[in-house]
């Protein structure tokens, strides 16, 4: 397997810290992002290399394995387990009074099976057996708007230069992770592919606040409608709704519209509720006549309370 210097890919060295890794990745990811470089295979390849380098170096455990095993870091656990088993075999042989001329394997991982198992690593036809390893899992993030996830969405993603058409059911949650089997990195020596994990990030680009299956919004009501009663027209995700305002409605009053909230994930025709808070707006730029009428109203209320 060809060695890829992840530090060099990000323009860094082994002494760099996590903050520098993050900053370098963001700079290069913006530079080579496919959306900014349409129909540019070289930029797309660079973007993949930068993303892979960041995925490894930003994870302390993966970075430690990479620093120790280089191109074979993905199989560090198998490598160490084989070393442990070899030491146990040597110790058992010596305890039985024998002598082992084997030395602990410490070479390149590509020589691993032949060094550890000798002729046992070969088939009856003399060809070296190649153990299959599962490919690495990949992670991606997909940004959607709140309006997008109100209905079931079909999205086409490009992963490893392959286009994948996916369906995202209505009501998917912010931060929800979707697993796509077999769309991760390719396996080694014919092993199975890894999986792709997509984290959904939802932008609330509306006047609604979402909390699970429920929606919350605020609507303005003029002073006169709040005092005398009337109607107000509000927006919902499936059209406009006319609400009746009771006389003497106070600012901050909340009403619930049953079934006008958000769809429940993977539950057809099941919706949450919409909660509307009334915000009574006071008039501004009053004329002299309006001020006089308000003073009269104040006097009437004052005398009436005596």
C-alpha atoms as a PDB file:
ATOM      1  CA  UNK A   1       0.000   0.000   0.000  1.00  0.00           C
ATOM      2  CA  UNK A   2       1.391   3.390  -0.991  1.00  0.00           C
ATOM      3  CA  UNK A   3       2.305   5.553   1.977  1.00  0.00           C
ATOM      4  CA  UNK A   4       0.343   8.799   2.320  1.00  0.00           C
ATOM      5  CA  UNK A   5       1.915  11.472   4.487  1.00  0.00           C
ATOM      6  CA  UNK A   6      -1.118  13.035   6.123  1.00  0.00           C
ATOM      7  CA  UNK A   7       0.979  15.736   7.788  1.00  0.00           C
ATOM      8  CA  UNK A   8       2.394  16.784   4.435  1.00  0.00           C
ATOM      9  CA  UNK A   9      -1.114  16.745   2.926  1.00  0.00           C
ATOM     10  CA  UNK A  10      -2.173  19.419   5.432  1.00  0.00           C
ATOM     11  CA  UNK A  11       1.167  21.262   5.241  1.00  0.00           C
ATOM     12  CA  UNK A  12       2.028  20.344   8.838  1.00  0.00           C
ATOM     13  CA  UNK A  13       4.512  18.234  10.802  1.00  0.00           C
ATOM     14  CA  UNK A  14       4.325  15.693  13.627  1.00  0.00           C
ATOM     15  CA  UNK A  15       4.782  18.369  16.296  1.00  0.00           C
ATOM     16  CA  UNK A  16       1.610  20.216  15.274  1.00  0.00           C
ATOM     17  CA  UNK A  17      -1.288  20.515  17.734  1.00  0.00           C
ATOM     18  CA  UNK A  18      -5.000  19.881  17.262  1.00  0.00           C
ATOM     19  CA  UNK A  19      -5.820  23.562  16.837  1.00  0.00           C
ATOM     20  CA  UNK A  20      -3.334  23.866  13.968  1.00  0.00           C
ATOM     21  CA  UNK A  21      -4.707  20.687  12.360  1.00  0.00           C
ATOM     22  CA  UNK A  22      -8.247  22.050  12.463  1.00  0.00           C
ATOM     23  CA  UNK A  23      -7.211  25.420  11.040  1.00  0.00           C
ATOM     24  CA  UNK A  24      -5.210  23.840   8.212  1.00  0.00           C
ATOM     25  CA  UNK A  25      -8.071  21.510   7.314  1.00  0.00           C
ATOM     26  CA  UNK A  26     -10.633  24.299   7.181  1.00  0.00           C
ATOM     27  CA  UNK A  27      -8.414  26.405   4.942  1.00  0.00           C
ATOM     28  CA  UNK A  28      -7.708  23.596   2.476  1.00  0.00           C
ATOM     29  CA  UNK A  29     -11.251  22.203   2.547  1.00  0.00           C
ATOM     30  CA  UNK A  30     -12.595  25.590   1.511  1.00  0.00           C
ATOM     31  CA  UNK A  31      -9.965  25.863  -1.214  1.00  0.00           C
ATOM     32  CA  UNK A  32     -10.690  22.474  -2.789  1.00  0.00           C
ATOM     33  CA  UNK A  33     -14.390  22.037  -1.985  1.00  0.00           C
ATOM     34  CA  UNK A  34     -16.259  20.507  -4.982  1.00  0.00           C
ATOM     35  CA  UNK A  35     -18.930  23.222  -4.822  1.00  0.00           C
ATOM     36  CA  UNK A  36     -16.237  25.847  -5.466  1.00  0.00           C
ATOM     37  CA  UNK A  37     -14.455  23.728  -8.065  1.00  0.00           C
ATOM     38  CA  UNK A  38     -17.157  22.172 -10.256  1.00  0.00           C
ATOM     39  CA  UNK A  39     -15.992  19.660 -12.864  1.00  0.00           C
ATOM     40  CA  UNK A  40     -12.452  19.752 -11.493  1.00  0.00           C
ATOM     41  CA  UNK A  41     -11.258  16.169 -10.807  1.00  0.00           C
ATOM     42  CA  UNK A  42      -7.925  17.365  -9.424  1.00  0.00           C
ATOM     43  CA  UNK A  43      -9.601  19.614  -6.843  1.00  0.00           C
ATOM     44  CA  UNK A  44     -12.029  16.812  -5.943  1.00  0.00           C
ATOM     45  CA  UNK A  45      -9.106  14.429  -5.372  1.00  0.00           C
ATOM     46  CA  UNK A  46      -7.311  17.045  -3.257  1.00  0.00           C
ATOM     47  CA  UNK A  47     -10.466  17.557  -1.204  1.00  0.00           C
ATOM     48  CA  UNK A  48     -10.703  13.805  -0.535  1.00  0.00           C
ATOM     49  CA  UNK A  49      -7.034  13.664   0.514  1.00  0.00           C
ATOM     50  CA  UNK A  50      -7.417  16.645   2.858  1.00  0.00           C
ATOM     51  CA  UNK A  51     -10.590  15.174   4.402  1.00  0.00           C
ATOM     52  CA  UNK A  52      -8.918  11.789   4.929  1.00  0.00           C
ATOM     53  CA  UNK A  53      -5.858  13.403   6.524  1.00  0.00           C
ATOM     54  CA  UNK A  54      -8.031  15.458   8.860  1.00  0.00           C
ATOM     55  CA  UNK A  55     -10.152  12.435   9.841  1.00  0.00           C
ATOM     56  CA  UNK A  56      -7.040  10.573  10.987  1.00  0.00           C
ATOM     57  CA  UNK A  57      -4.978  13.366  12.547  1.00  0.00           C
ATOM     58  CA  UNK A  58      -7.904  14.992  14.390  1.00  0.00           C
ATOM     59  CA  UNK A  59      -8.597  11.722  16.231  1.00  0.00           C
ATOM     60  CA  UNK A  60      -5.933  11.236  18.960  1.00  0.00           C
ATOM     61  CA  UNK A  61      -6.219   7.423  18.882  1.00  0.00           C
ATOM     62  CA  UNK A  62      -6.006   7.175  15.091  1.00  0.00           C
ATOM     63  CA  UNK A  63      -3.166   9.688  15.029  1.00  0.00           C
ATOM     64  CA  UNK A  64      -1.168   7.662  17.537  1.00  0.00           C
ATOM     65  CA  UNK A  65      -1.543   4.510  15.430  1.00  0.00           C
ATOM     66  CA  UNK A  66      -0.638   6.415  12.275  1.00  0.00           C
ATOM     67  CA  UNK A  67       2.491   7.868  13.879  1.00  0.00           C
ATOM     68  CA  UNK A  68       3.592   4.394  15.003  1.00  0.00           C
ATOM     69  CA  UNK A  69       2.609   2.208  12.032  1.00  0.00           C
ATOM     70  CA  UNK A  70       2.481   4.618   9.087  1.00  0.00           C
ATOM     71  CA  UNK A  71       0.640   3.223   6.065  1.00  0.00           C
ATOM     72  CA  UNK A  72      -0.435   0.135   8.067  1.00  0.00           C
ATOM     73  CA  UNK A  73      -2.039   2.113  10.897  1.00  0.00           C
ATOM     74  CA  UNK A  74      -5.528   0.763  10.145  1.00  0.00           C
ATOM     75  CA  UNK A  75      -4.367  -2.713  11.121  1.00  0.00           C
ATOM     76  CA  UNK A  76      -2.366  -1.750  14.197  1.00  0.00           C
ATOM     77  CA  UNK A  77      -4.601  -3.787  16.515  1.00  0.00           C
ATOM     78  CA  UNK A  78      -4.143  -6.985  14.452  1.00  0.00           C
ATOM     79  CA  UNK A  79      -0.422  -6.290  14.286  1.00  0.00           C
ATOM     80  CA  UNK A  80      -0.086  -5.967  18.086  1.00  0.00           C
ATOM     81  CA  UNK A  81      -2.267  -9.014  18.704  1.00  0.00           C
ATOM     82  CA  UNK A  82      -0.034 -11.113  16.438  1.00  0.00           C
ATOM     83  CA  UNK A  83       3.042  -9.891  18.324  1.00  0.00           C
ATOM     84  CA  UNK A  84       1.401 -10.873  21.609  1.00  0.00           C
ATOM     85  CA  UNK A  85       0.535 -14.341  20.320  1.00  0.00           C
ATOM     86  CA  UNK A  86       4.080 -14.825  19.029  1.00  0.00           C
ATOM     87  CA  UNK A  87       5.556 -13.930  22.411  1.00  0.00           C
ATOM     88  CA  UNK A  88       3.201 -16.397  24.096  1.00  0.00           C
ATOM     89  CA  UNK A  89       4.240 -19.172  21.678  1.00  0.00           C
ATOM     90  CA  UNK A  90       7.932 -18.480  22.250  1.00  0.00           C
ATOM     91  CA  UNK A  91       7.491 -18.427  26.018  1.00  0.00           C
ATOM     92  CA  UNK A  92       5.519 -21.673  25.987  1.00  0.00           C
ATOM     93  CA  UNK A  93       8.180 -23.344  23.861  1.00  0.00           C
ATOM     94  CA  UNK A  94      11.004 -22.181  26.148  1.00  0.00           C
ATOM     95  CA  UNK A  95       9.073 -23.239  29.287  1.00  0.00           C
ATOM     96  CA  UNK A  96       8.826 -26.705  27.783  1.00  0.00           C
ATOM     97  CA  UNK A  97      12.630 -26.852  27.553  1.00  0.00           C
ATOM     98  CA  UNK A  98      12.898 -25.959  23.900  1.00  0.00           C
ATOM     99  CA  UNK A  99      14.721 -23.165  22.182  1.00  0.00           C
ATOM    100  CA  UNK A 100      13.190 -20.723  19.749  1.00  0.00           C
ATOM    101  CA  UNK A 101      15.285 -18.964  17.174  1.00  0.00           C
ATOM    102  CA  UNK A 102      12.355 -16.741  16.189  1.00  0.00           C
ATOM    103  CA  UNK A 103      12.707 -13.040  16.833  1.00  0.00           C
ATOM    104  CA  UNK A 104       9.798 -10.788  17.606  1.00  0.00           C
ATOM    105  CA  UNK A 105       8.337  -9.340  14.456  1.00  0.00           C
ATOM    106  CA  UNK A 106       9.005  -5.630  14.168  1.00  0.00           C
ATOM    107  CA  UNK A 107       9.240  -5.066  10.438  1.00  0.00           C
ATOM    108  CA  UNK A 108       6.915  -3.616   7.852  1.00  0.00           C
ATOM    109  CA  UNK A 109       3.351  -4.797   8.116  1.00  0.00           C
ATOM    110  CA  UNK A 110       3.326  -5.877   4.471  1.00  0.00           C
ATOM    111  CA  UNK A 111       5.757  -8.684   5.499  1.00  0.00           C
ATOM    112  CA  UNK A 112       3.614  -9.493   8.514  1.00  0.00           C
ATOM    113  CA  UNK A 113       2.056 -12.871   7.720  1.00  0.00           C
ATOM    114  CA  UNK A 114       5.097 -14.401   6.067  1.00  0.00           C
ATOM    115  CA  UNK A 115       7.326 -13.358   8.987  1.00  0.00           C
ATOM    116  CA  UNK A 116       4.900 -14.548  11.625  1.00  0.00           C
ATOM    117  CA  UNK A 117       3.674 -17.804  10.124  1.00  0.00           C
ATOM    118  CA  UNK A 118       6.268 -18.813   7.517  1.00  0.00           C
ATOM    119  CA  UNK A 119       5.019 -21.678   5.346  1.00  0.00           C
ATOM    120  CA  UNK A 120       1.696 -21.628   7.204  1.00  0.00           C
ATOM    121  CA  UNK A 121       0.997 -18.364   5.432  1.00  0.00           C
ATOM    122  CA  UNK A 122       1.029 -20.080   2.069  1.00  0.00           C
ATOM    123  CA  UNK A 123      -1.649 -22.034   0.284  1.00  0.00           C
ATOM    124  CA  UNK A 124      -1.196 -25.551  -1.077  1.00  0.00           C
ATOM    125  CA  UNK A 125      -0.284 -24.007  -4.445  1.00  0.00           C
ATOM    126  CA  UNK A 126       2.553 -22.039  -2.845  1.00  0.00           C
ATOM    127  CA  UNK A 127       0.871 -18.656  -3.086  1.00  0.00           C
ATOM    128  CA  UNK A 128       0.946 -16.413  -0.040  1.00  0.00           C
ATOM    129  CA  UNK A 129      -2.410 -16.109   1.664  1.00  0.00           C
ATOM    130  CA  UNK A 130      -3.652 -12.546   1.942  1.00  0.00           C
ATOM    131  CA  UNK A 131      -5.882 -11.932   4.913  1.00  0.00           C
ATOM    132  CA  UNK A 132      -8.912  -9.817   4.135  1.00  0.00           C
ATOM    133  CA  UNK A 133      -9.488  -6.639   6.094  1.00  0.00           C
ATOM    134  CA  UNK A 134     -12.647  -4.575   6.260  1.00  0.00           C
ATOM    135  CA  UNK A 135     -12.401  -1.080   4.814  1.00  0.00           C
ATOM    136  CA  UNK A 136     -12.415   1.990   7.002  1.00  0.00           C
ATOM    137  CA  UNK A 137     -15.699   3.651   7.911  1.00  0.00           C
ATOM    138  CA  UNK A 138     -16.198   7.140   6.518  1.00  0.00           C
ATOM    139  CA  UNK A 139     -18.016  10.103   8.008  1.00  0.00           C
ATOM    140  CA  UNK A 140     -19.803  12.903   6.188  1.00  0.00           C
ATOM    141  CA  UNK A 141     -22.066  15.792   7.116  1.00  0.00           C
ATOM    142  CA  UNK A 142     -25.145  16.888   5.196  1.00  0.00           C
ATOM    143  CA  UNK A 143     -26.742  20.268   5.787  1.00  0.00           C
ATOM    144  CA  UNK A 144     -30.477  20.617   5.212  1.00  0.00           C
ATOM    145  CA  UNK A 145     -32.950  23.410   5.872  1.00  0.00           C
ATOM    146  CA  UNK A 146     -35.873  22.960   8.242  1.00  0.00           C
ATOM    147  CA  UNK A 147     -38.319  23.250   5.349  1.00  0.00           C
ATOM    148  CA  UNK A 148     -36.450  20.481   3.529  1.00  0.00           C
ATOM    149  CA  UNK A 149     -37.020  17.908   6.264  1.00  0.00           C
ATOM    150  CA  UNK A 150     -40.723  18.679   6.622  1.00  0.00           C
ATOM    151  CA  UNK A 151     -41.221  16.345   3.670  1.00  0.00           C
ATOM    152  CA  UNK A 152     -39.307  13.255   2.557  1.00  0.00           C
ATOM    153  CA  UNK A 153     -36.192  14.303   0.627  1.00  0.00           C
ATOM    154  CA  UNK A 154     -34.134  12.580  -2.039  1.00  0.00           C
ATOM    155  CA  UNK A 155     -30.500  13.674  -2.131  1.00  0.00           C
ATOM    156  CA  UNK A 156     -27.618  12.652  -4.380  1.00  0.00           C
ATOM    157  CA  UNK A 157     -24.235  12.556  -2.632  1.00  0.00           C
ATOM    158  CA  UNK A 158     -20.813  11.965  -4.160  1.00  0.00           C
ATOM    159  CA  UNK A 159     -18.654   9.627  -2.079  1.00  0.00           C
ATOM    160  CA  UNK A 160     -15.337   8.241  -3.365  1.00  0.00           C
ATOM    161  CA  UNK A 161     -16.205   9.595  -6.827  1.00  0.00           C
ATOM    162  CA  UNK A 162     -19.424   7.570  -6.802  1.00  0.00           C
ATOM    163  CA  UNK A 163     -22.874   9.097  -6.732  1.00  0.00           C
ATOM    164  CA  UNK A 164     -25.277   7.721  -4.136  1.00  0.00           C
ATOM    165  CA  UNK A 165     -28.980   8.546  -4.230  1.00  0.00           C
ATOM    166  CA  UNK A 166     -30.467   8.545  -0.758  1.00  0.00           C
ATOM    167  CA  UNK A 167     -33.921   9.097   0.688  1.00  0.00           C
ATOM    168  CA  UNK A 168     -34.230  11.063   3.928  1.00  0.00           C
ATOM    169  CA  UNK A 169     -37.641  10.493   5.585  1.00  0.00           C
ATOM    170  CA  UNK A 170     -39.631  13.503   6.761  1.00  0.00           C
ATOM    171  CA  UNK A 171     -39.067  14.486  10.373  1.00  0.00           C
ATOM    172  CA  UNK A 172     -35.370  13.601  10.556  1.00  0.00           C
ATOM    173  CA  UNK A 173     -33.709  15.200  13.590  1.00  0.00           C
ATOM    174  CA  UNK A 174     -30.807  17.633  13.774  1.00  0.00           C
ATOM    175  CA  UNK A 175     -27.638  15.672  14.580  1.00  0.00           C
ATOM    176  CA  UNK A 176     -29.184  12.338  13.571  1.00  0.00           C
ATOM    177  CA  UNK A 177     -26.690   9.871  12.094  1.00  0.00           C
ATOM    178  CA  UNK A 178     -27.634   7.673   9.149  1.00  0.00           C
ATOM    179  CA  UNK A 179     -25.596   4.568   8.343  1.00  0.00           C
ATOM    180  CA  UNK A 180     -25.127   3.557   4.693  1.00  0.00           C
ATOM    181  CA  UNK A 181     -23.780   0.020   4.545  1.00  0.00           C
ATOM    182  CA  UNK A 182     -20.859  -0.699   2.245  1.00  0.00           C
ATOM    183  CA  UNK A 183     -20.210   2.864   1.089  1.00  0.00           C
ATOM    184  CA  UNK A 184     -17.109   3.471   3.189  1.00  0.00           C
ATOM    185  CA  UNK A 185     -13.495   2.905   2.140  1.00  0.00           C
ATOM    186  CA  UNK A 186     -12.825  -0.224   0.052  1.00  0.00           C
ATOM    187  CA  UNK A 187     -11.664  -3.354   1.842  1.00  0.00           C
ATOM    188  CA  UNK A 188      -8.104  -4.683   1.662  1.00  0.00           C
ATOM    189  CA  UNK A 189      -7.285  -7.924  -0.152  1.00  0.00           C
ATOM    190  CA  UNK A 190     -10.892  -8.373  -1.140  1.00  0.00           C
ATOM    191  CA  UNK A 191     -12.312  -7.614   2.284  1.00  0.00           C
ATOM    192  CA  UNK A 192     -15.706  -5.922   2.667  1.00  0.00           C
ATOM    193  CA  UNK A 193     -16.087  -2.191   2.292  1.00  0.00           C
ATOM    194  CA  UNK A 194     -16.512  -0.011   5.339  1.00  0.00           C
ATOM    195  CA  UNK A 195     -19.716   1.891   6.040  1.00  0.00           C
ATOM    196  CA  UNK A 196     -20.635   5.520   5.517  1.00  0.00           C
ATOM    197  CA  UNK A 197     -22.050   7.498   8.445  1.00  0.00           C
ATOM    198  CA  UNK A 198     -23.888  10.705   7.524  1.00  0.00           C
ATOM    199  CA  UNK A 199     -24.612  13.267  10.236  1.00  0.00           C
ATOM    200  CA  UNK A 200     -27.545  15.523   9.369  1.00  0.00           C
ATOM    201  CA  UNK A 201     -27.254  19.189  10.324  1.00  0.00           C
ATOM    202  CA  UNK A 202     -30.519  21.137  10.115  1.00  0.00           C
ATOM    203  CA  UNK A 203     -30.602  24.920   9.726  1.00  0.00           C
ATOM    204  CA  UNK A 204     -33.683  26.622  11.157  1.00  0.00           C
ATOM    205  CA  UNK A 205     -34.207  29.096   8.295  1.00  0.00           C
ATOM    206  CA  UNK A 206     -37.784  29.951   9.277  1.00  0.00           C
ATOM    207  CA  UNK A 207     -39.650  31.817  12.012  1.00  0.00           C
ATOM    208  CA  UNK A 208     -40.403  28.484  13.653  1.00  0.00           C
ATOM    209  CA  UNK A 209     -38.476  26.868  16.479  1.00  0.00           C
ATOM    210  CA  UNK A 210     -38.498  23.081  16.428  1.00  0.00           C
ATOM    211  CA  UNK A 211     -38.415  20.888  19.502  1.00  0.00           C
ATOM    212  CA  UNK A 212     -38.776  17.281  18.430  1.00  0.00           C
ATOM    213  CA  UNK A 213     -42.170  16.942  16.770  1.00  0.00           C
ATOM    214  CA  UNK A 214     -43.498  20.275  18.047  1.00  0.00           C
ATOM    215  CA  UNK A 215     -43.119  23.733  16.517  1.00  0.00           C
ATOM    216  CA  UNK A 216     -43.158  27.112  18.249  1.00  0.00           C
ATOM    217  CA  UNK A 217     -43.716  30.553  16.752  1.00  0.00           C
ATOM    218  CA  UNK A 218     -44.722  34.088  17.723  1.00  0.00           C
ATOM    219  CA  UNK A 219     -47.225  36.281  15.849  1.00  0.00           C
ATOM    220  CA  UNK A 220     -47.985  39.971  16.290  1.00  0.00           C
ATOM    221  CA  UNK A 221     -51.480  41.158  17.209  1.00  0.00           C
ATOM    222  CA  UNK A 222     -52.371  44.842  17.049  1.00  0.00           C
ATOM    223  CA  UNK A 223     -53.673  46.526  20.189  1.00  0.00           C
ATOM    224  CA  UNK A 224     -57.205  47.027  18.902  1.00  0.00           C
ATOM    225  CA  UNK A 225     -57.673  43.386  17.884  1.00  0.00           C
ATOM    226  CA  UNK A 226     -56.268  42.280  21.244  1.00  0.00           C
ATOM    227  CA  UNK A 227     -58.733  44.560  23.077  1.00  0.00           C
ATOM    228  CA  UNK A 228     -61.850  44.007  20.999  1.00  0.00           C
ATOM    229  CA  UNK A 229     -61.231  40.573  19.516  1.00  0.00           C
ATOM    230  CA  UNK A 230     -60.932  39.620  15.871  1.00  0.00           C
ATOM    231  CA  UNK A 231     -58.882  37.410  13.598  1.00  0.00           C
ATOM    232  CA  UNK A 232     -55.232  37.002  12.625  1.00  0.00           C
ATOM    233  CA  UNK A 233     -53.733  35.064   9.701  1.00  0.00           C
ATOM    234  CA  UNK A 234     -50.627  33.011  10.458  1.00  0.00           C
ATOM    235  CA  UNK A 235     -48.298  30.825   8.399  1.00  0.00           C
ATOM    236  CA  UNK A 236     -47.853  27.108   9.059  1.00  0.00           C
ATOM    237  CA  UNK A 237     -45.736  24.565   7.177  1.00  0.00           C
ATOM    238  CA  UNK A 238     -48.758  23.377   5.190  1.00  0.00           C
ATOM    239  CA  UNK A 239     -50.422  26.726   4.474  1.00  0.00           C
ATOM    240  CA  UNK A 240     -52.014  29.707   6.183  1.00  0.00           C
ATOM    241  CA  UNK A 241     -54.426  29.378   9.103  1.00  0.00           C
ATOM    242  CA  UNK A 242     -56.908  31.975  10.408  1.00  0.00           C
ATOM    243  CA  UNK A 243     -57.056  32.247  14.188  1.00  0.00           C
ATOM    244  CA  UNK A 244     -59.822  33.883  16.247  1.00  0.00           C
ATOM    245  CA  UNK A 245     -58.570  36.340  18.843  1.00  0.00           C
ATOM    246  CA  UNK A 246     -60.701  36.587  21.980  1.00  0.00           C
ATOM    247  CA  UNK A 247     -61.447  40.086  23.356  1.00  0.00           C
ATOM    248  CA  UNK A 248     -58.971  41.386  25.938  1.00  0.00           C
ATOM    249  CA  UNK A 249     -56.240  38.939  24.861  1.00  0.00           C
ATOM    250  CA  UNK A 250     -53.047  39.575  26.783  1.00  0.00           C
ATOM    251  CA  UNK A 251     -49.584  39.704  25.239  1.00  0.00           C
ATOM    252  CA  UNK A 252     -47.820  36.382  25.804  1.00  0.00           C
ATOM    253  CA  UNK A 253     -51.011  34.317  25.461  1.00  0.00           C
ATOM    254  CA  UNK A 254     -50.278  30.892  23.929  1.00  0.00           C
ATOM    255  CA  UNK A 255     -52.560  28.745  21.799  1.00  0.00           C
ATOM    256  CA  UNK A 256     -52.026  25.217  20.499  1.00  0.00           C
ATOM    257  CA  UNK A 257     -52.835  24.107  16.975  1.00  0.00           C
ATOM    258  CA  UNK A 258     -53.132  20.344  17.138  1.00  0.00           C
ATOM    259  CA  UNK A 259     -51.457  18.434  14.308  1.00  0.00           C
ATOM    260  CA  UNK A 260     -49.846  21.532  12.786  1.00  0.00           C
ATOM    261  CA  UNK A 261     -46.392  20.749  14.088  1.00  0.00           C
ATOM    262  CA  UNK A 262     -43.612  18.631  12.545  1.00  0.00           C
ATOM    263  CA  UNK A 263     -43.972  15.136  11.081  1.00  0.00           C
ATOM    264  CA  UNK A 264     -42.793  12.284  13.298  1.00  0.00           C
ATOM    265  CA  UNK A 265     -39.802  10.438  11.830  1.00  0.00           C
ATOM    266  CA  UNK A 266     -40.837   7.272   9.960  1.00  0.00           C
ATOM    267  CA  UNK A 267     -44.427   7.504  11.246  1.00  0.00           C
ATOM    268  CA  UNK A 268     -46.686   8.318   8.346  1.00  0.00           C
ATOM    269  CA  UNK A 269     -49.419  10.930   8.892  1.00  0.00           C
ATOM    270  CA  UNK A 270     -48.365  11.551  12.501  1.00  0.00           C
ATOM    271  CA  UNK A 271     -47.575  15.155  13.402  1.00  0.00           C
ATOM    272  CA  UNK A 272     -46.765  17.168  16.475  1.00  0.00           C
ATOM    273  CA  UNK A 273     -48.479  20.421  17.474  1.00  0.00           C
ATOM    274  CA  UNK A 274     -47.846  24.077  16.700  1.00  0.00           C
ATOM    275  CA  UNK A 275     -47.727  26.471  19.657  1.00  0.00           C
ATOM    276  CA  UNK A 276     -48.392  30.127  18.845  1.00  0.00           C
ATOM    277  CA  UNK A 277     -47.546  32.964  21.234  1.00  0.00           C
ATOM    278  CA  UNK A 278     -49.361  36.302  20.748  1.00  0.00           C
ATOM    279  CA  UNK A 279     -47.261  39.443  20.882  1.00  0.00           C
ATOM    280  CA  UNK A 280     -49.486  42.510  21.322  1.00  0.00           C
ATOM    281  CA  UNK A 281     -47.996  45.458  19.418  1.00  0.00           C
ATOM    282  CA  UNK A 282     -48.601  48.964  20.770  1.00  0.00           C
ATOM    283  CA  UNK A 283     -49.332  51.697  18.211  1.00  0.00           C
ATOM    284  CA  UNK A 284     -46.668  54.323  17.526  1.00  0.00           C
ATOM    285  CA  UNK A 285     -46.658  57.850  16.061  1.00  0.00           C
ATOM    286  CA  UNK A 286     -49.933  58.722  17.781  1.00  0.00           C
ATOM    287  CA  UNK A 287     -51.805  61.795  16.574  1.00  0.00           C
ATOM    288  CA  UNK A 288     -52.995  64.435  19.008  1.00  0.00           C
ATOM    289  CA  UNK A 289     -56.555  63.175  18.658  1.00  0.00           C
ATOM    290  CA  UNK A 290     -55.492  59.602  19.425  1.00  0.00           C
ATOM    291  CA  UNK A 291     -53.580  60.768  22.481  1.00  0.00           C
ATOM    292  CA  UNK A 292     -56.642  62.704  23.679  1.00  0.00           C
ATOM    293  CA  UNK A 293     -58.862  59.637  23.253  1.00  0.00           C
ATOM    294  CA  UNK A 294     -56.422  57.515  25.228  1.00  0.00           C
ATOM    295  CA  UNK A 295     -56.418  60.107  28.001  1.00  0.00           C
ATOM    296  CA  UNK A 296     -60.218  59.998  28.033  1.00  0.00           C
ATOM    297  CA  UNK A 297     -60.114  56.212  28.200  1.00  0.00           C
ATOM    298  CA  UNK A 298     -57.649  56.455  31.069  1.00  0.00           C
ATOM    299  CA  UNK A 299     -59.959  58.823  32.935  1.00  0.00           C
ATOM    300  CA  UNK A 300     -62.951  56.560  32.373  1.00  0.00           C
ATOM    301  CA  UNK A 301     -61.029  53.568  33.717  1.00  0.00           C
ATOM    302  CA  UNK A 302     -59.760  55.577  36.685  1.00  0.00           C
ATOM    303  CA  UNK A 303     -63.197  56.867  37.653  1.00  0.00           C
ATOM    304  CA  UNK A 304     -64.752  53.506  37.082  1.00  0.00           C
ATOM    305  CA  UNK A 305     -62.363  51.859  39.536  1.00  0.00           C
ATOM    306  CA  UNK A 306     -63.209  54.323  42.347  1.00  0.00           C
END
